[in-house]
């Protein structure tokens, strides 16, 4: 049986009016992944506040307040235009 290591993956999927993409960051330490997750969340809050303040139907779905969660997400979606969204996930992955 192979020993498995744990890595923490922060995945940032985004789509705006003129671009889309997915960025993936891998960390050995949970605290480093959590810091990146938090930084992206803060960055996205500011982005939506400055770039899309004229749109008032953004919905945020998150579990960041759940202290017992193993994985976290912070998703922002425009209800009238699904192409305007960002999904930030912190996931735990096993590596063989």
C-alpha atoms as a PDB file:
ATOM      1  CA  UNK A   1       0.000   0.000   0.000  1.00  0.00           C
ATOM      2  CA  UNK A   2       1.338   3.401  -0.935  1.00  0.00           C
ATOM      3  CA  UNK A   3       1.405   6.219   1.573  1.00  0.00           C
ATOM      4  CA  UNK A   4      -0.602   9.198   0.489  1.00  0.00           C
ATOM      5  CA  UNK A   5       0.351  12.797   1.094  1.00  0.00           C
ATOM      6  CA  UNK A   6      -2.165  15.571   1.488  1.00  0.00           C
ATOM      7  CA  UNK A   7      -2.074  18.762  -0.571  1.00  0.00           C
ATOM      8  CA  UNK A   8      -4.396  21.721  -0.350  1.00  0.00           C
ATOM      9  CA  UNK A   9      -5.736  23.086  -3.620  1.00  0.00           C
ATOM     10  CA  UNK A  10      -7.179  26.542  -4.062  1.00  0.00           C
ATOM     11  CA  UNK A  11      -9.130  26.741  -7.307  1.00  0.00           C
ATOM     12  CA  UNK A  12     -10.277  30.088  -8.676  1.00  0.00           C
ATOM     13  CA  UNK A  13     -12.719  29.892 -11.588  1.00  0.00           C
ATOM     14  CA  UNK A  14     -13.910  33.207 -12.980  1.00  0.00           C
ATOM     15  CA  UNK A  15     -15.893  34.637 -15.858  1.00  0.00           C
ATOM     16  CA  UNK A  16     -16.564  38.272 -16.741  1.00  0.00           C
ATOM     17  CA  UNK A  17     -17.926  40.056 -19.800  1.00  0.00           C
ATOM     18  CA  UNK A  18     -14.597  39.773 -21.601  1.00  0.00           C
ATOM     19  CA  UNK A  19     -12.587  36.902 -20.099  1.00  0.00           C
ATOM     20  CA  UNK A  20     -12.749  33.613 -18.276  1.00  0.00           C
ATOM     21  CA  UNK A  21     -10.327  31.167 -16.769  1.00  0.00           C
ATOM     22  CA  UNK A  22      -9.315  28.871 -13.964  1.00  0.00           C
ATOM     23  CA  UNK A  23      -6.293  29.335 -11.719  1.00  0.00           C
ATOM     24  CA  UNK A  24      -5.082  26.515  -9.488  1.00  0.00           C
ATOM     25  CA  UNK A  25      -2.726  26.893  -6.531  1.00  0.00           C
ATOM     26  CA  UNK A  26      -1.298  23.935  -4.583  1.00  0.00           C
ATOM     27  CA  UNK A  27       0.030  24.099  -1.018  1.00  0.00           C
ATOM     28  CA  UNK A  28       1.543  21.647   1.415  1.00  0.00           C
ATOM     29  CA  UNK A  29       0.328  23.590   4.439  1.00  0.00           C
ATOM     30  CA  UNK A  30      -3.335  24.262   5.180  1.00  0.00           C
ATOM     31  CA  UNK A  31      -2.591  27.705   6.606  1.00  0.00           C
ATOM     32  CA  UNK A  32      -0.934  28.797   3.335  1.00  0.00           C
ATOM     33  CA  UNK A  33      -3.910  27.562   1.300  1.00  0.00           C
ATOM     34  CA  UNK A  34      -6.320  29.288   3.680  1.00  0.00           C
ATOM     35  CA  UNK A  35      -4.396  32.554   3.305  1.00  0.00           C
ATOM     36  CA  UNK A  36      -4.569  32.356  -0.512  1.00  0.00           C
ATOM     37  CA  UNK A  37      -8.279  31.460  -0.331  1.00  0.00           C
ATOM     38  CA  UNK A  38      -8.912  34.444   1.937  1.00  0.00           C
ATOM     39  CA  UNK A  39      -6.851  36.802  -0.277  1.00  0.00           C
ATOM     40  CA  UNK A  40      -8.790  35.752  -3.390  1.00  0.00           C
ATOM     41  CA  UNK A  41     -12.079  36.200  -1.553  1.00  0.00           C
ATOM     42  CA  UNK A  42     -11.106  39.727  -0.488  1.00  0.00           C
ATOM     43  CA  UNK A  43      -9.870  40.540  -3.998  1.00  0.00           C
ATOM     44  CA  UNK A  44     -13.156  39.369  -5.540  1.00  0.00           C
ATOM     45  CA  UNK A  45     -15.283  41.351  -3.079  1.00  0.00           C
ATOM     46  CA  UNK A  46     -13.383  44.511  -4.072  1.00  0.00           C
ATOM     47  CA  UNK A  47     -13.566  43.665  -7.781  1.00  0.00           C
ATOM     48  CA  UNK A  48     -17.347  43.267  -7.727  1.00  0.00           C
ATOM     49  CA  UNK A  49     -17.728  46.389  -5.612  1.00  0.00           C
ATOM     50  CA  UNK A  50     -15.761  48.552  -8.065  1.00  0.00           C
ATOM     51  CA  UNK A  51     -16.500  46.941 -11.453  1.00  0.00           C
ATOM     52  CA  UNK A  52     -20.080  45.778 -11.001  1.00  0.00           C
ATOM     53  CA  UNK A  53     -21.580  48.091  -8.394  1.00  0.00           C
ATOM     54  CA  UNK A  54     -24.356  48.937 -10.876  1.00  0.00           C
ATOM     55  CA  UNK A  55     -25.598  45.313 -10.792  1.00  0.00           C
ATOM     56  CA  UNK A  56     -27.564  44.484  -7.680  1.00  0.00           C
ATOM     57  CA  UNK A  57     -28.441  40.827  -8.163  1.00  0.00           C
ATOM     58  CA  UNK A  58     -25.196  39.103  -7.228  1.00  0.00           C
ATOM     59  CA  UNK A  59     -25.629  36.153  -4.906  1.00  0.00           C
ATOM     60  CA  UNK A  60     -22.916  34.838  -2.607  1.00  0.00           C
ATOM     61  CA  UNK A  61     -22.914  31.202  -1.522  1.00  0.00           C
ATOM     62  CA  UNK A  62     -20.259  30.203   0.982  1.00  0.00           C
ATOM     63  CA  UNK A  63     -19.435  27.961   3.892  1.00  0.00           C
ATOM     64  CA  UNK A  64     -16.470  29.948   5.257  1.00  0.00           C
ATOM     65  CA  UNK A  65     -18.090  30.288   8.668  1.00  0.00           C
ATOM     66  CA  UNK A  66     -18.348  26.512   9.145  1.00  0.00           C
ATOM     67  CA  UNK A  67     -15.465  25.723  11.507  1.00  0.00           C
ATOM     68  CA  UNK A  68     -16.011  21.966  11.059  1.00  0.00           C
ATOM     69  CA  UNK A  69     -15.726  21.944   7.259  1.00  0.00           C
ATOM     70  CA  UNK A  70     -12.803  20.188   5.600  1.00  0.00           C
ATOM     71  CA  UNK A  71     -13.243  22.027   2.322  1.00  0.00           C
ATOM     72  CA  UNK A  72     -14.474  25.561   1.696  1.00  0.00           C
ATOM     73  CA  UNK A  73     -16.077  27.553  -1.089  1.00  0.00           C
ATOM     74  CA  UNK A  74     -16.933  31.168  -1.819  1.00  0.00           C
ATOM     75  CA  UNK A  75     -19.094  31.541  -4.922  1.00  0.00           C
ATOM     76  CA  UNK A  76     -20.381  34.791  -6.380  1.00  0.00           C
ATOM     77  CA  UNK A  77     -22.929  34.596  -9.195  1.00  0.00           C
ATOM     78  CA  UNK A  78     -24.947  37.232 -11.032  1.00  0.00           C
ATOM     79  CA  UNK A  79     -28.558  36.040 -11.074  1.00  0.00           C
ATOM     80  CA  UNK A  80     -29.386  37.821 -14.349  1.00  0.00           C
ATOM     81  CA  UNK A  81     -26.164  36.838 -16.172  1.00  0.00           C
ATOM     82  CA  UNK A  82     -24.572  33.542 -15.118  1.00  0.00           C
ATOM     83  CA  UNK A  83     -21.483  34.359 -17.197  1.00  0.00           C
ATOM     84  CA  UNK A  84     -20.585  36.881 -14.483  1.00  0.00           C
ATOM     85  CA  UNK A  85     -19.316  34.671 -11.694  1.00  0.00           C
ATOM     86  CA  UNK A  86     -16.369  33.606  -9.597  1.00  0.00           C
ATOM     87  CA  UNK A  87     -15.988  30.327  -7.751  1.00  0.00           C
ATOM     88  CA  UNK A  88     -13.234  30.002  -5.166  1.00  0.00           C
ATOM     89  CA  UNK A  89     -12.679  26.592  -3.602  1.00  0.00           C
ATOM     90  CA  UNK A  90     -10.240  25.235  -1.049  1.00  0.00           C
ATOM     91  CA  UNK A  91     -10.058  21.463  -1.456  1.00  0.00           C
ATOM     92  CA  UNK A  92      -8.080  18.692   0.207  1.00  0.00           C
ATOM     93  CA  UNK A  93      -6.462  16.232  -2.206  1.00  0.00           C
ATOM     94  CA  UNK A  94      -4.476  13.051  -1.713  1.00  0.00           C
ATOM     95  CA  UNK A  95      -1.301  12.485  -3.717  1.00  0.00           C
ATOM     96  CA  UNK A  96       0.234   9.042  -4.076  1.00  0.00           C
END
